Amino acid sequence: MERTKIARRELLAFAGALSLSPVAMNAQTPSPVRTAAGPDVRRAELYGLLGDLPDRHRPVSGRLRSETVRDGYILETWDLDLNGMETVPAYVARPRNASGRRPAVVFNHSHGGGYGIGRTEFIDGREYLQPEPYARALTDRGYVALCIDHWIFGERSHTSELDMVKACLWRGQVLWGLMVYDSLKAVDWLVARDDVDPARLATIGMSMGSSMAQWLGALDQRIGTVVDICCLVDYHTLLEQRELGRHGIYYYVPSLLRHFTAAQINALIAPRPHLSIVGNLDRLTPREGVDIIDRELTRIYTELGQPDHWQIRRYDVEHQETPEARVEALAFLERHL
C-alpha cells in the first residue's frame, strides 16, 4: 500500500536524522537513578513511564469470530475488548484433543516493516524465523498460545507508525505504552480461560516481539518464563554508537533513561527463568551492550540464588532465528513450563 511505503520512508528518515544529529548525540545522557527501591516499586515506576493509559483493572471480554482446524491444532479467531478504544483481533491456538488446564504462551509478533502482517506471523511465520510457525511448534508441545495484533499492525494497521506517534504525543500517550498495556490485558483475558493453567505462563517473541517479551515479563509476575529472540538492547550503548535509527520510533519511551537501563528492566524478571537469544552480527543489538546486560543479569540471578535461570545464547548471525536457537527456545520452555 503506497501510504504505508511513504510512512515507512518518512519514519526511517526521521529516525536516521535523530541518530546522526550532533545536538541529540552530544547532549548529556542522564544516568538512571541507582535506587534501593524494591521490585514492586520499580515495576510501578516503569509502568508510570508508559503515558496516559486506560484503567489497568478495567474488565476484559472477547467475541469468538471463528474456529478452524489447522496444521494439527485448533485455531480460534477472537475480537477482544482490552483497552476500550479499539477492538484487538487475536489468535488462540490450542492442541487438538487436549483436556484440562494447559500451560500457556503469549507469542509477541515482530515488526520488520510488515505492518499488514501482525498476528499472522504466529500461524504463517516470517522470513527471519524458522520455517515451522510458532502456532504449530507450541501446540505440538501441548501449550495453548495467544497472539494479538498490536497497534498499527495486522487488522489494526489503519494508521502509520509515525502518524500514531504524533497523535500519541498530542494526547499524552506513548505508543509503546499502548502496546504494552494491550499485552498486559491480553494476559488478563488469557488466564480467565478454562483451558489455561494461570500458574504456568510464558512469553516469547522475535525482534519487537522480543522487546515485548522482556517488558511483559518485567511488569507482570504472572509470566513465569521469558524467551526473547534478537532484541536484547542496551539503550545507552545504542545511543553512544549512534544506532537509534536501527529501531522504529514506536520503541522510544520519554524519559526512560532517567529511570532505567535495559539491564534494570530485565532485572525485574529475576529470578524467573529468562532465555535471551542474540545474533553476534545483529546491528540492532550492539555486542558491547549485550555484554553489559549479561554481566548485570548474571550477577543478579546469582545473588538471588538462581544462576541457571538466566541463560544467553549467541550465534554468529544477523537478525534471525537459527535452527539451533529454535531448539534452545523450545527446550527452555519445556524445562520451565
Protein backbone atom coordinates (compact mmCIF):
# COMPACT_ATOMS: atom_id res chain seq x y z
CA MET A 1 0.00 0.00 0.00
CA GLU A 2 1.54 3.27 -1.12
CA ARG A 3 0.68 5.18 2.03
CA THR A 4 2.45 2.53 4.11
CA LYS A 5 5.56 2.79 1.93
CA ILE A 6 5.64 6.55 2.27
CA ALA A 7 5.17 6.35 6.00
CA ARG A 8 7.99 3.82 6.26
CA ARG A 9 10.37 6.12 4.34
CA GLU A 10 9.37 9.08 6.50
CA LEU A 11 9.87 7.03 9.62
CA LEU A 12 13.34 5.80 8.68
CA ALA A 13 14.41 9.25 7.56
CA PHE A 14 13.23 10.73 10.85
CA ALA A 15 14.90 8.04 12.94
CA GLY A 16 18.09 8.27 10.91
CA ALA A 17 18.24 12.02 11.32
CA LEU A 18 17.79 11.66 15.04
CA SER A 19 20.58 9.11 15.30
CA LEU A 20 23.00 11.38 13.42
CA SER A 21 22.09 14.71 14.95
CA PRO A 22 25.09 16.27 16.73
CA VAL A 23 22.73 18.10 19.08
CA ALA A 24 20.89 14.93 20.03
CA MET A 25 24.00 12.80 20.35
CA ASN A 26 26.19 15.32 22.18
CA ALA A 27 23.59 16.23 24.77
CA GLN A 28 24.49 14.61 28.07
CA THR A 29 22.59 11.39 28.55
CA PRO A 30 21.19 11.18 32.06
CA SER A 31 22.21 8.23 34.16
CA PRO A 32 19.32 6.28 35.68
CA VAL A 33 18.87 6.65 39.40
CA ARG A 34 20.53 3.90 41.42
CA THR A 35 17.91 3.03 43.96
CA ALA A 36 17.34 0.55 46.74
CA ALA A 37 13.62 0.50 45.98
CA GLY A 38 12.12 -2.97 45.77
CA PRO A 39 10.96 -4.60 42.54
CA ASP A 40 7.28 -3.81 43.09
CA VAL A 41 8.08 -0.12 43.44
CA ARG A 42 10.27 -0.24 40.36
CA ARG A 43 7.56 -2.02 38.34
CA ALA A 44 5.15 0.74 39.24
CA GLU A 45 7.77 3.32 38.24
CA LEU A 46 8.34 1.62 34.88
CA TYR A 47 4.61 1.35 34.20
CA GLY A 48 4.25 5.03 35.08
CA LEU A 49 6.53 5.99 32.19
CA LEU A 50 4.14 4.48 29.63
CA GLY A 51 1.93 7.52 29.24
CA ASP A 52 -1.78 8.04 29.71
CA LEU A 53 -3.33 4.57 29.71
CA PRO A 54 -6.78 3.13 30.39
CA ASP A 55 -7.54 1.76 33.83
CA ARG A 56 -5.22 -1.18 34.46
CA HIS A 57 -8.08 -3.02 36.18
CA ARG A 58 -10.80 -2.47 33.58
CA PRO A 59 -12.69 -5.67 32.70
CA VAL A 60 -11.81 -7.52 29.51
CA SER A 61 -14.01 -9.55 27.21
CA GLY A 62 -13.98 -11.23 23.84
CA ARG A 63 -16.16 -12.45 20.97
CA LEU A 64 -15.25 -15.66 19.16
CA ARG A 65 -15.19 -14.93 15.44
CA SER A 66 -14.32 -18.39 14.12
CA GLU A 67 -12.77 -21.74 14.99
CA THR A 68 -10.97 -23.96 12.48
CA VAL A 69 -8.69 -26.98 12.36
CA ARG A 70 -5.28 -26.02 11.01
CA ASP A 71 -1.99 -27.93 10.81
CA GLY A 72 -2.88 -30.33 13.58
CA TYR A 73 -4.22 -27.76 16.04
CA ILE A 74 -7.39 -25.75 16.66
CA LEU A 75 -7.17 -22.08 15.68
CA GLU A 76 -9.59 -19.67 17.28
CA THR A 77 -10.01 -16.12 15.97
CA TRP A 78 -11.20 -13.59 18.54
CA ASP A 79 -12.14 -9.93 18.77
CA LEU A 80 -11.00 -8.79 22.20
CA ASP A 81 -12.01 -5.74 24.20
CA LEU A 82 -8.78 -4.98 26.05
CA ASN A 83 -8.48 -1.20 26.10
CA GLY A 84 -11.90 0.34 25.46
CA MET A 85 -10.51 2.26 22.47
CA GLU A 86 -10.48 -0.25 19.64
CA THR A 87 -11.07 -3.97 19.16
CA VAL A 88 -7.98 -6.16 19.33
CA PRO A 89 -8.03 -9.12 16.90
CA ALA A 90 -6.35 -12.21 18.32
CA TYR A 91 -5.49 -15.80 17.54
CA VAL A 92 -5.58 -18.58 20.09
CA ALA A 93 -4.03 -21.89 19.05
CA ARG A 94 -4.77 -24.91 21.18
CA PRO A 95 -3.81 -28.58 20.85
CA ARG A 96 -6.37 -30.93 19.35
CA ASN A 97 -7.96 -33.39 21.76
CA ALA A 98 -6.36 -31.71 24.77
CA SER A 99 -8.25 -31.66 28.04
CA GLY A 100 -7.91 -29.87 31.34
CA ARG A 101 -5.88 -26.76 32.00
CA ARG A 102 -2.75 -26.40 29.89
CA PRO A 103 0.40 -24.25 30.11
CA ALA A 104 0.02 -21.13 28.01
CA VAL A 105 2.38 -18.96 25.96
CA VAL A 106 1.91 -15.37 24.83
CA PHE A 107 3.57 -15.06 21.41
CA ASN A 108 4.50 -11.48 20.52
CA HIS A 109 4.73 -10.73 16.81
CA SER A 110 7.62 -8.77 15.31
CA HIS A 111 7.79 -5.50 13.33
CA GLY A 112 10.08 -5.89 10.32
CA GLY A 113 8.15 -3.21 8.42
CA GLY A 114 5.33 -5.71 7.90
CA TYR A 115 2.52 -3.53 9.17
CA GLY A 116 -0.13 -5.63 7.45
CA ILE A 117 1.23 -8.90 8.86
CA GLY A 118 0.82 -8.61 12.62
CA ARG A 119 -0.51 -11.75 14.27
CA THR A 120 -0.46 -13.79 11.05
CA GLU A 121 3.27 -14.25 11.76
CA PHE A 122 2.13 -16.61 14.51
CA ILE A 123 0.45 -19.00 12.05
CA ASP A 124 2.39 -18.32 8.83
CA GLY A 125 5.89 -17.43 10.08
CA ARG A 126 8.33 -14.78 8.83
CA GLU A 127 11.44 -14.94 6.68
CA TYR A 128 13.76 -14.44 9.68
CA LEU A 129 12.10 -17.18 11.74
CA GLN A 130 12.41 -20.92 11.28
CA PRO A 131 10.02 -22.49 8.75
CA GLU A 132 7.66 -24.08 11.27
CA PRO A 133 5.32 -21.34 12.58
CA TYR A 134 5.22 -20.95 16.33
CA ALA A 135 1.50 -21.78 16.48
CA ARG A 136 2.31 -25.31 15.32
CA ALA A 137 5.52 -25.63 17.35
CA LEU A 138 3.84 -24.57 20.60
CA THR A 139 0.64 -26.59 20.24
CA ASP A 140 2.67 -29.68 19.30
CA ARG A 141 4.16 -29.41 22.80
CA GLY A 142 0.78 -29.16 24.46
CA TYR A 143 0.61 -25.41 25.03
CA VAL A 144 -2.28 -23.04 24.49
CA ALA A 145 -0.86 -19.98 22.72
CA LEU A 146 -2.16 -16.46 22.19
CA CYS A 147 -1.08 -13.76 19.74
CA ILE A 148 -2.76 -10.37 19.32
CA ASP A 149 -2.49 -7.72 16.64
CA HIS A 150 -0.68 -4.80 18.21
CA TRP A 151 -1.45 -1.16 17.47
CA ILE A 152 -0.62 -0.25 13.82
CA PHE A 153 -0.20 -3.91 12.80
CA GLY A 154 -2.37 -6.52 11.12
CA GLU A 155 -6.05 -5.59 11.18
CA ARG A 156 -5.09 -2.53 13.24
CA SER A 157 -2.77 -1.08 10.56
CA HIS A 158 -5.19 1.74 9.78
CA THR A 159 -2.68 4.42 10.86
CA SER A 160 1.01 4.75 10.02
CA GLU A 161 3.59 4.35 12.75
CA LEU A 162 4.76 7.95 12.50
CA ASP A 163 1.23 9.37 12.50
CA MET A 164 0.35 7.24 15.50
CA VAL A 165 3.39 8.52 17.42
CA LYS A 166 2.45 12.12 16.59
CA ALA A 167 -1.11 11.58 17.79
CA CYS A 168 0.16 9.95 20.98
CA LEU A 169 2.41 12.93 21.72
CA TRP A 170 -0.54 15.30 21.47
CA ARG A 171 -2.65 13.09 23.73
CA GLY A 172 -0.02 12.46 26.39
CA GLN A 173 0.25 8.83 25.31
CA VAL A 174 3.20 6.61 24.38
CA LEU A 175 2.77 4.15 21.50
CA TRP A 176 4.92 1.53 23.21
CA GLY A 177 2.87 2.08 26.35
CA LEU A 178 -0.37 1.35 24.49
CA MET A 179 1.20 -1.83 23.09
CA VAL A 180 2.43 -2.99 26.48
CA TYR A 181 -0.96 -2.23 28.03
CA ASP A 182 -2.69 -4.45 25.47
CA SER A 183 -0.25 -7.26 26.24
CA LEU A 184 -0.93 -7.00 29.96
CA LYS A 185 -4.69 -7.03 29.38
CA ALA A 186 -4.33 -9.95 26.97
CA VAL A 187 -2.81 -11.90 29.85
CA ASP A 188 -5.83 -10.94 31.98
CA TRP A 189 -8.08 -12.42 29.30
CA LEU A 190 -5.93 -15.49 28.74
CA VAL A 191 -5.80 -16.60 32.38
CA ALA A 192 -9.60 -16.47 32.57
CA ARG A 193 -9.92 -19.28 30.00
CA ASP A 194 -10.93 -22.63 31.41
CA ASP A 195 -8.25 -24.45 29.37
CA VAL A 196 -5.34 -22.38 30.72
CA ASP A 197 -3.33 -23.02 33.88
CA PRO A 198 -2.66 -19.48 35.17
CA ALA A 199 0.30 -20.74 37.20
CA ARG A 200 2.15 -21.89 34.04
CA LEU A 201 2.58 -18.91 31.72
CA ALA A 202 5.40 -17.93 29.39
CA THR A 203 6.04 -15.34 26.72
CA ILE A 204 8.22 -15.41 23.61
CA GLY A 205 8.90 -13.18 20.63
CA MET A 206 11.34 -12.09 17.95
CA SER A 207 12.61 -8.52 17.40
CA MET A 208 9.81 -6.16 18.51
CA GLY A 209 8.26 -9.29 19.98
CA SER A 210 11.47 -9.85 21.93
CA SER A 211 11.21 -6.37 23.43
CA MET A 212 7.59 -7.06 24.31
CA ALA A 213 8.54 -10.35 25.98
CA GLN A 214 11.08 -8.51 28.14
CA TRP A 215 8.70 -5.74 29.17
CA LEU A 216 5.77 -8.09 29.73
CA GLY A 217 7.92 -10.33 31.91
CA ALA A 218 9.27 -7.32 33.81
CA LEU A 219 5.84 -5.84 34.52
CA ASP A 220 3.71 -8.95 35.04
CA GLN A 221 4.82 -11.50 37.59
CA ARG A 222 2.26 -13.97 36.29
CA ILE A 223 4.65 -14.58 33.40
CA GLY A 224 6.78 -17.41 34.76
CA THR A 225 9.19 -17.81 31.83
CA VAL A 226 10.56 -15.37 29.23
CA VAL A 227 12.26 -16.15 25.92
CA ASP A 228 13.42 -13.15 23.88
CA ILE A 229 14.92 -13.51 20.41
CA CYS A 230 17.10 -10.85 18.79
CA CYS A 231 16.34 -7.66 20.68
CA LEU A 232 18.39 -7.58 23.88
CA VAL A 233 19.42 -3.95 23.55
CA ASP A 234 21.39 -1.78 25.96
CA TYR A 235 19.84 1.62 25.32
CA HIS A 236 22.87 3.63 26.41
CA THR A 237 25.15 1.67 24.08
CA LEU A 238 22.70 2.18 21.21
CA LEU A 239 22.82 5.91 21.88
CA GLU A 240 26.59 6.04 22.16
CA GLN A 241 27.01 4.17 18.87
CA ARG A 242 24.54 6.43 17.06
CA GLU A 243 22.36 3.50 16.03
CA LEU A 244 18.94 4.84 17.09
CA GLY A 245 17.74 4.64 13.51
CA ARG A 246 18.02 0.86 13.68
CA HIS A 247 14.79 0.72 15.68
CA GLY A 248 11.34 2.02 14.82
CA ILE A 249 10.08 5.12 16.57
CA TYR A 250 7.43 3.07 18.40
CA TYR A 251 10.31 1.83 20.59
CA TYR A 252 11.19 5.08 22.34
CA VAL A 253 9.71 5.90 25.76
CA PRO A 254 10.07 9.51 27.01
CA SER A 255 12.41 9.95 30.00
CA LEU A 256 13.16 6.21 30.16
CA LEU A 257 16.92 6.70 30.52
CA ARG A 258 16.42 8.94 33.56
CA HIS A 259 14.97 5.98 35.40
CA PHE A 260 16.13 2.68 33.90
CA THR A 261 18.83 0.88 31.99
CA ALA A 262 17.86 -2.10 29.86
CA ALA A 263 19.51 -4.35 32.44
CA GLN A 264 17.40 -2.82 35.21
CA ILE A 265 14.21 -3.53 33.27
CA ASN A 266 15.25 -7.13 32.65
CA ALA A 267 16.26 -7.49 36.28
CA LEU A 268 12.57 -7.15 37.16
CA ILE A 269 12.10 -10.59 35.59
CA ALA A 270 14.56 -12.17 38.03
CA PRO A 271 14.62 -14.76 39.49
CA ARG A 272 12.11 -16.17 36.99
CA PRO A 273 13.66 -18.11 34.06
CA HIS A 274 14.78 -15.94 31.17
CA LEU A 275 16.49 -17.04 27.96
CA SER A 276 17.88 -14.43 25.57
CA ILE A 277 18.94 -15.38 22.05
CA VAL A 278 21.30 -12.96 20.31
CA GLY A 279 22.89 -12.62 16.88
CA ASN A 280 26.51 -11.55 17.25
CA LEU A 281 26.30 -9.73 13.90
CA ASP A 282 22.95 -8.08 14.60
CA ARG A 283 23.34 -4.28 14.43
CA LEU A 284 20.06 -3.84 16.30
CA THR A 285 21.73 -5.28 19.40
CA PRO A 286 25.32 -4.00 19.67
CA ARG A 287 27.54 -6.67 21.20
CA GLU A 288 29.07 -4.32 23.75
CA GLY A 289 25.62 -3.58 25.11
CA VAL A 290 24.66 -7.24 25.25
CA ASP A 291 27.79 -7.85 27.31
CA ILE A 292 26.73 -5.16 29.80
CA ILE A 293 23.27 -6.68 30.26
CA ASP A 294 24.66 -10.20 30.50
CA ARG A 295 27.13 -9.25 33.23
CA GLU A 296 24.48 -7.45 35.25
CA LEU A 297 21.87 -10.20 34.98
CA THR A 298 24.44 -12.91 35.75
CA ARG A 299 25.26 -11.03 38.95
CA ILE A 300 21.62 -10.51 39.92
CA TYR A 301 20.48 -14.07 39.26
CA THR A 302 23.47 -15.39 41.18
CA GLU A 303 22.70 -13.14 44.15
CA LEU A 304 19.10 -14.38 44.09
CA GLY A 305 20.26 -17.99 44.20
CA GLN A 306 19.06 -18.92 40.69
CA PRO A 307 22.10 -18.57 38.43
CA ASP A 308 20.77 -21.14 35.95
CA HIS A 309 17.56 -19.18 35.40
CA TRP A 310 19.41 -16.56 33.33
CA GLN A 311 20.63 -18.01 30.05
CA ILE A 312 22.01 -16.33 26.94
CA ARG A 313 22.79 -17.97 23.61
CA ARG A 314 24.79 -16.18 20.94
CA TYR A 315 25.07 -17.15 17.29
CA ASP A 316 27.23 -15.69 14.54
CA VAL A 317 24.28 -14.40 12.51
CA GLU A 318 22.48 -11.14 11.94
CA HIS A 319 18.83 -10.52 12.84
CA GLN A 320 17.43 -14.04 12.53
CA GLU A 321 16.42 -17.14 14.42
CA THR A 322 18.74 -20.08 13.70
CA PRO A 323 17.70 -23.75 13.81
CA GLU A 324 19.80 -24.13 16.97
CA ALA A 325 18.08 -21.13 18.54
CA ARG A 326 14.64 -22.64 17.88
CA VAL A 327 15.72 -25.86 19.58
CA GLU A 328 17.05 -23.89 22.57
CA ALA A 329 13.90 -21.78 22.85
CA LEU A 330 11.52 -24.71 22.86
CA ALA A 331 13.70 -26.75 25.20
CA PHE A 332 13.81 -23.82 27.65
CA LEU A 333 10.02 -23.59 27.63
CA GLU A 334 9.72 -27.34 28.19
CA ARG A 335 12.08 -27.20 31.16
CA HIS A 336 10.29 -24.35 32.88
CA LEU A 337 6.64 -24.75 31.87
